[in-house]
Amino acid sequence: MQIHVVKSKIHRVKVTGADLNYIGSITIDEDLMDAANILEGEKVQIVNNNNGERLETYAIPGPRNSGEITLNGAAARKVAPGDILILITYAIMTVEEAKKHKPALVFPNQHNLLK
């Protein structure tokens, strides 16, 4: 049997942009992606603490040390700059693997930068 388990979480980042005219995805500062072990193109669940929206899209890297968190395409309608998000990725693994797994948890500062 395999189960879905939290692989990583970036906790409480602030939306810096919303670009309706982009193809789609979420742009994440590449330093945050590295810290959370999120790969380019990986599916990301987005939870908006301001309005309760939940959606899924894929990650694309933004400039390092920029603090960028931009929702692109249709997802841009689900956020406003300044909203606080939680970004979550999941992995599929066996129960035995899951018992040993430790997710990457990232807690950026108020500027979306690593402390």
N, C-alpha and C. Protein backbone atom coordinates (compact mmCIF):
# COMPACT_ATOMS: atom_id res chain seq x y z
N MET A 1 0.84 -1.18 0.00
CA MET A 1 0.00 0.00 0.00
C MET A 1 0.89 1.24 0.00
N GLN A 2 0.43 2.26 -0.72
CA GLN A 2 1.12 3.54 -0.73
C GLN A 2 0.16 4.62 -0.26
N ILE A 3 0.72 5.63 0.39
CA ILE A 3 -0.10 6.73 0.90
C ILE A 3 0.52 8.06 0.49
N HIS A 4 -0.29 9.12 0.51
CA HIS A 4 0.18 10.48 0.25
C HIS A 4 0.62 11.08 1.58
N VAL A 5 1.83 11.66 1.60
CA VAL A 5 2.40 12.22 2.82
C VAL A 5 2.94 13.61 2.50
N VAL A 6 2.87 14.53 3.46
CA VAL A 6 3.45 15.85 3.25
C VAL A 6 4.95 15.70 3.01
N LYS A 7 5.41 16.21 1.86
CA LYS A 7 6.82 16.20 1.52
C LYS A 7 7.50 17.46 2.02
N SER A 8 6.80 18.61 1.84
CA SER A 8 7.38 19.88 2.28
C SER A 8 6.29 20.91 2.48
N LYS A 9 6.65 21.94 3.25
CA LYS A 9 5.71 23.02 3.50
C LYS A 9 6.49 24.32 3.66
N ILE A 10 6.04 25.34 2.95
CA ILE A 10 6.54 26.71 3.18
C ILE A 10 5.40 27.42 3.89
N HIS A 11 5.64 27.81 5.12
CA HIS A 11 4.58 28.29 6.01
C HIS A 11 4.54 29.81 6.07
N ARG A 12 3.39 30.36 5.73
CA ARG A 12 3.10 31.79 5.88
C ARG A 12 4.02 32.68 5.04
N VAL A 13 3.91 32.53 3.72
CA VAL A 13 4.57 33.48 2.82
C VAL A 13 3.54 34.49 2.34
N LYS A 14 4.03 35.66 1.99
CA LYS A 14 3.16 36.75 1.56
C LYS A 14 3.16 36.84 0.03
N VAL A 15 1.97 36.94 -0.55
CA VAL A 15 1.86 37.10 -1.99
C VAL A 15 2.47 38.45 -2.39
N THR A 16 3.39 38.40 -3.35
CA THR A 16 4.01 39.63 -3.85
C THR A 16 3.45 40.06 -5.20
N GLY A 17 2.75 39.14 -5.88
CA GLY A 17 2.21 39.49 -7.18
C GLY A 17 1.15 38.51 -7.64
N ALA A 18 0.33 38.98 -8.59
CA ALA A 18 -0.70 38.15 -9.22
C ALA A 18 -0.76 38.57 -10.68
N ASP A 19 -0.38 37.64 -11.57
CA ASP A 19 -0.25 37.96 -12.99
C ASP A 19 -1.23 37.12 -13.80
N LEU A 20 -2.39 37.68 -14.07
CA LEU A 20 -3.45 36.98 -14.77
C LEU A 20 -3.04 36.60 -16.20
N ASN A 21 -2.16 37.35 -16.82
CA ASN A 21 -1.80 37.14 -18.21
C ASN A 21 -0.64 36.18 -18.43
N TYR A 22 -0.24 35.45 -17.39
CA TYR A 22 0.81 34.45 -17.53
C TYR A 22 0.14 33.10 -17.76
N ILE A 23 0.88 32.14 -18.27
CA ILE A 23 0.31 30.83 -18.64
C ILE A 23 -0.32 30.12 -17.45
N GLY A 24 0.29 30.19 -16.30
CA GLY A 24 -0.19 29.49 -15.11
C GLY A 24 0.96 29.15 -14.21
N SER A 25 0.71 28.81 -12.99
CA SER A 25 1.72 28.35 -12.04
C SER A 25 1.86 29.32 -10.87
N ILE A 26 2.83 29.00 -10.00
CA ILE A 26 3.23 29.89 -8.93
C ILE A 26 4.74 30.08 -9.03
N THR A 27 5.15 31.34 -9.03
CA THR A 27 6.58 31.67 -9.03
C THR A 27 7.01 31.79 -7.59
N ILE A 28 8.04 31.02 -7.22
CA ILE A 28 8.54 30.97 -5.84
C ILE A 28 10.03 31.28 -5.86
N ASP A 29 10.46 32.18 -4.99
CA ASP A 29 11.89 32.46 -4.82
C ASP A 29 12.64 31.13 -4.79
N GLU A 30 13.65 30.98 -5.65
CA GLU A 30 14.36 29.71 -5.78
C GLU A 30 15.04 29.29 -4.48
N ASP A 31 15.43 30.24 -3.63
CA ASP A 31 15.99 29.87 -2.33
C ASP A 31 14.96 29.14 -1.47
N LEU A 32 13.71 29.59 -1.52
CA LEU A 32 12.64 28.90 -0.77
C LEU A 32 12.37 27.53 -1.35
N MET A 33 12.38 27.44 -2.69
CA MET A 33 12.17 26.14 -3.33
C MET A 33 13.25 25.15 -2.89
N ASP A 34 14.50 25.59 -2.90
CA ASP A 34 15.59 24.71 -2.48
C ASP A 34 15.43 24.28 -1.02
N ALA A 35 15.11 25.23 -0.15
CA ALA A 35 14.97 24.92 1.28
C ALA A 35 13.85 23.91 1.52
N ALA A 36 12.78 23.99 0.70
CA ALA A 36 11.64 23.09 0.86
C ALA A 36 11.73 21.86 -0.03
N ASN A 37 12.83 21.75 -0.78
CA ASN A 37 13.02 20.61 -1.69
C ASN A 37 11.89 20.51 -2.71
N ILE A 38 11.48 21.67 -3.25
CA ILE A 38 10.45 21.73 -4.29
C ILE A 38 11.16 21.84 -5.63
N LEU A 39 10.77 21.00 -6.56
CA LEU A 39 11.38 20.99 -7.88
C LEU A 39 10.59 21.85 -8.86
N GLU A 40 11.27 22.38 -9.86
CA GLU A 40 10.58 23.10 -10.92
C GLU A 40 9.56 22.17 -11.57
N GLY A 41 8.34 22.65 -11.72
CA GLY A 41 7.28 21.85 -12.32
C GLY A 41 6.52 20.97 -11.35
N GLU A 42 6.95 20.92 -10.11
CA GLU A 42 6.29 20.06 -9.12
C GLU A 42 4.93 20.64 -8.73
N LYS A 43 3.95 19.76 -8.52
CA LYS A 43 2.62 20.19 -8.08
C LYS A 43 2.70 20.76 -6.67
N VAL A 44 2.04 21.89 -6.48
CA VAL A 44 2.02 22.58 -5.19
C VAL A 44 0.57 22.87 -4.82
N GLN A 45 0.21 22.54 -3.59
CA GLN A 45 -1.10 22.93 -3.06
C GLN A 45 -0.91 24.28 -2.39
N ILE A 46 -1.83 25.20 -2.65
CA ILE A 46 -1.77 26.55 -2.09
C ILE A 46 -2.99 26.75 -1.20
N VAL A 47 -2.75 27.15 0.03
CA VAL A 47 -3.82 27.44 0.99
C VAL A 47 -3.72 28.93 1.32
N ASN A 48 -4.78 29.66 1.04
CA ASN A 48 -4.79 31.11 1.29
C ASN A 48 -5.43 31.37 2.65
N ASN A 49 -4.63 31.84 3.60
CA ASN A 49 -5.15 32.10 4.95
C ASN A 49 -6.11 33.28 4.99
N ASN A 50 -6.04 34.18 4.01
CA ASN A 50 -6.90 35.36 4.03
C ASN A 50 -8.32 35.08 3.57
N ASN A 51 -8.50 34.20 2.58
CA ASN A 51 -9.84 34.00 2.06
C ASN A 51 -10.29 32.53 2.04
N GLY A 52 -9.44 31.62 2.52
CA GLY A 52 -9.82 30.21 2.61
C GLY A 52 -9.70 29.43 1.31
N GLU A 53 -9.28 30.08 0.23
CA GLU A 53 -9.12 29.37 -1.05
C GLU A 53 -8.05 28.30 -0.95
N ARG A 54 -8.29 27.20 -1.65
CA ARG A 54 -7.31 26.12 -1.80
C ARG A 54 -7.24 25.80 -3.28
N LEU A 55 -6.03 25.70 -3.81
CA LEU A 55 -5.88 25.37 -5.22
C LEU A 55 -4.56 24.65 -5.42
N GLU A 56 -4.43 24.06 -6.59
CA GLU A 56 -3.19 23.37 -6.96
C GLU A 56 -2.67 23.93 -8.27
N THR A 57 -1.37 24.04 -8.37
CA THR A 57 -0.71 24.45 -9.60
C THR A 57 0.69 23.86 -9.56
N TYR A 58 1.60 24.38 -10.36
CA TYR A 58 2.96 23.86 -10.36
C TYR A 58 3.95 25.00 -10.11
N ALA A 59 5.11 24.64 -9.58
CA ALA A 59 6.11 25.63 -9.18
C ALA A 59 7.05 25.99 -10.33
N ILE A 60 7.36 27.27 -10.41
CA ILE A 60 8.45 27.72 -11.26
C ILE A 60 9.36 28.61 -10.41
N PRO A 61 10.67 28.54 -10.64
CA PRO A 61 11.59 29.31 -9.80
C PRO A 61 11.59 30.79 -10.14
N GLY A 62 11.61 31.58 -9.07
CA GLY A 62 11.77 33.02 -9.21
C GLY A 62 13.19 33.40 -8.81
N PRO A 63 13.56 34.64 -8.99
CA PRO A 63 14.92 35.07 -8.65
C PRO A 63 15.28 34.78 -7.19
N ARG A 64 16.50 34.33 -6.99
CA ARG A 64 16.98 34.01 -5.64
C ARG A 64 17.01 35.27 -4.77
N ASN A 65 16.70 35.07 -3.49
CA ASN A 65 16.74 36.13 -2.48
C ASN A 65 15.84 37.31 -2.85
N SER A 66 14.79 37.04 -3.63
CA SER A 66 13.86 38.10 -4.03
C SER A 66 12.61 38.12 -3.15
N GLY A 67 12.32 36.99 -2.52
CA GLY A 67 11.08 36.87 -1.75
C GLY A 67 9.84 36.77 -2.63
N GLU A 68 10.04 36.56 -3.92
CA GLU A 68 8.90 36.53 -4.84
C GLU A 68 7.98 35.34 -4.60
N ILE A 69 6.69 35.65 -4.51
CA ILE A 69 5.61 34.65 -4.48
C ILE A 69 4.51 35.24 -5.36
N THR A 70 4.47 34.79 -6.62
CA THR A 70 3.52 35.34 -7.58
C THR A 70 2.63 34.22 -8.11
N LEU A 71 1.31 34.42 -8.02
CA LEU A 71 0.36 33.49 -8.62
C LEU A 71 0.09 33.94 -10.04
N ASN A 72 0.17 32.99 -10.97
CA ASN A 72 0.07 33.29 -12.38
C ASN A 72 -1.16 32.64 -13.00
N GLY A 73 -1.64 33.21 -14.10
CA GLY A 73 -2.79 32.67 -14.80
C GLY A 73 -4.05 32.76 -13.96
N ALA A 74 -4.94 31.79 -14.13
CA ALA A 74 -6.24 31.80 -13.44
C ALA A 74 -6.08 31.87 -11.92
N ALA A 75 -5.01 31.28 -11.38
CA ALA A 75 -4.78 31.31 -9.93
C ALA A 75 -4.64 32.72 -9.40
N ALA A 76 -4.27 33.66 -10.27
CA ALA A 76 -4.12 35.06 -9.84
C ALA A 76 -5.45 35.63 -9.33
N ARG A 77 -6.56 35.05 -9.76
CA ARG A 77 -7.87 35.53 -9.29
C ARG A 77 -8.20 35.06 -7.88
N LYS A 78 -7.40 34.14 -7.35
CA LYS A 78 -7.67 33.56 -6.04
C LYS A 78 -6.88 34.23 -4.91
N VAL A 79 -6.03 35.21 -5.26
CA VAL A 79 -5.18 35.87 -4.26
C VAL A 79 -5.14 37.37 -4.52
N ALA A 80 -4.65 38.08 -3.52
CA ALA A 80 -4.34 39.50 -3.66
C ALA A 80 -2.96 39.72 -3.06
N PRO A 81 -2.17 40.63 -3.62
CA PRO A 81 -0.88 40.93 -3.00
C PRO A 81 -1.05 41.23 -1.52
N GLY A 82 -0.20 40.62 -0.72
CA GLY A 82 -0.28 40.76 0.73
C GLY A 82 -0.95 39.59 1.42
N ASP A 83 -1.73 38.78 0.68
CA ASP A 83 -2.34 37.59 1.28
C ASP A 83 -1.26 36.66 1.82
N ILE A 84 -1.58 35.94 2.88
CA ILE A 84 -0.67 34.99 3.50
C ILE A 84 -1.04 33.58 3.05
N LEU A 85 -0.03 32.85 2.52
CA LEU A 85 -0.24 31.51 1.98
C LEU A 85 0.57 30.46 2.72
N ILE A 86 0.09 29.24 2.64
CA ILE A 86 0.86 28.06 3.01
C ILE A 86 0.99 27.23 1.74
N LEU A 87 2.22 26.86 1.39
CA LEU A 87 2.50 26.07 0.19
C LEU A 87 2.90 24.68 0.62
N ILE A 88 2.23 23.65 0.07
CA ILE A 88 2.43 22.27 0.51
C ILE A 88 2.68 21.38 -0.71
N THR A 89 3.67 20.49 -0.59
CA THR A 89 3.86 19.44 -1.59
C THR A 89 3.70 18.10 -0.89
N TYR A 90 3.37 17.08 -1.70
CA TYR A 90 3.13 15.74 -1.16
C TYR A 90 3.97 14.73 -1.93
N ALA A 91 4.22 13.60 -1.30
CA ALA A 91 4.91 12.49 -1.94
C ALA A 91 4.09 11.22 -1.70
N ILE A 92 4.23 10.28 -2.62
CA ILE A 92 3.58 8.98 -2.46
C ILE A 92 4.64 7.99 -2.03
N MET A 93 4.39 7.31 -0.93
CA MET A 93 5.37 6.36 -0.41
C MET A 93 4.67 5.24 0.34
N THR A 94 5.43 4.21 0.61
CA THR A 94 4.89 3.10 1.39
C THR A 94 4.69 3.54 2.83
N VAL A 95 3.89 2.79 3.56
CA VAL A 95 3.66 3.10 4.97
C VAL A 95 4.99 3.06 5.73
N GLU A 96 5.84 2.09 5.44
CA GLU A 96 7.14 2.00 6.12
C GLU A 96 8.01 3.21 5.82
N GLU A 97 8.03 3.65 4.56
CA GLU A 97 8.79 4.85 4.21
C GLU A 97 8.22 6.07 4.93
N ALA A 98 6.90 6.16 4.98
CA ALA A 98 6.23 7.30 5.61
C ALA A 98 6.55 7.40 7.10
N LYS A 99 6.71 6.26 7.75
CA LYS A 99 7.03 6.26 9.18
C LYS A 99 8.40 6.88 9.45
N LYS A 100 9.29 6.82 8.49
CA LYS A 100 10.65 7.36 8.64
C LYS A 100 10.81 8.75 8.04
N HIS A 101 9.85 9.16 7.23
CA HIS A 101 9.95 10.41 6.49
C HIS A 101 9.83 11.64 7.40
N LYS A 102 10.67 12.63 7.15
CA LYS A 102 10.60 13.92 7.83
C LYS A 102 10.41 15.00 6.77
N PRO A 103 9.28 15.68 6.76
CA PRO A 103 9.06 16.70 5.73
C PRO A 103 9.97 17.91 5.93
N ALA A 104 10.26 18.60 4.84
CA ALA A 104 11.01 19.85 4.90
C ALA A 104 10.02 20.95 5.27
N LEU A 105 10.24 21.60 6.39
CA LEU A 105 9.37 22.68 6.87
C LEU A 105 10.16 23.98 6.83
N VAL A 106 9.64 24.96 6.11
CA VAL A 106 10.35 26.23 5.92
C VAL A 106 9.48 27.35 6.50
N PHE A 107 10.09 28.18 7.33
CA PHE A 107 9.39 29.29 7.97
C PHE A 107 10.10 30.60 7.62
N PRO A 108 9.78 31.19 6.47
CA PRO A 108 10.44 32.43 6.06
C PRO A 108 10.06 33.60 6.95
N ASN A 109 10.85 34.68 6.86
CA ASN A 109 10.52 35.88 7.63
C ASN A 109 9.41 36.67 6.92
N GLN A 110 9.09 37.84 7.43
CA GLN A 110 7.96 38.64 6.90
C GLN A 110 8.22 39.16 5.49
N HIS A 111 9.46 39.02 4.99
CA HIS A 111 9.80 39.43 3.63
C HIS A 111 9.95 38.22 2.70
N ASN A 112 9.48 37.05 3.14
CA ASN A 112 9.57 35.80 2.38
C ASN A 112 11.00 35.35 2.17
N LEU A 113 11.90 35.73 3.06
CA LEU A 113 13.30 35.34 2.95
C LEU A 113 13.64 34.37 4.07
N LEU A 114 14.64 33.54 3.82
CA LEU A 114 15.11 32.62 4.85
C LEU A 114 15.79 33.42 5.94
N LYS A 115 15.62 32.99 7.16
CA LYS A 115 16.19 33.75 8.29
C LYS A 115 17.67 33.52 8.43
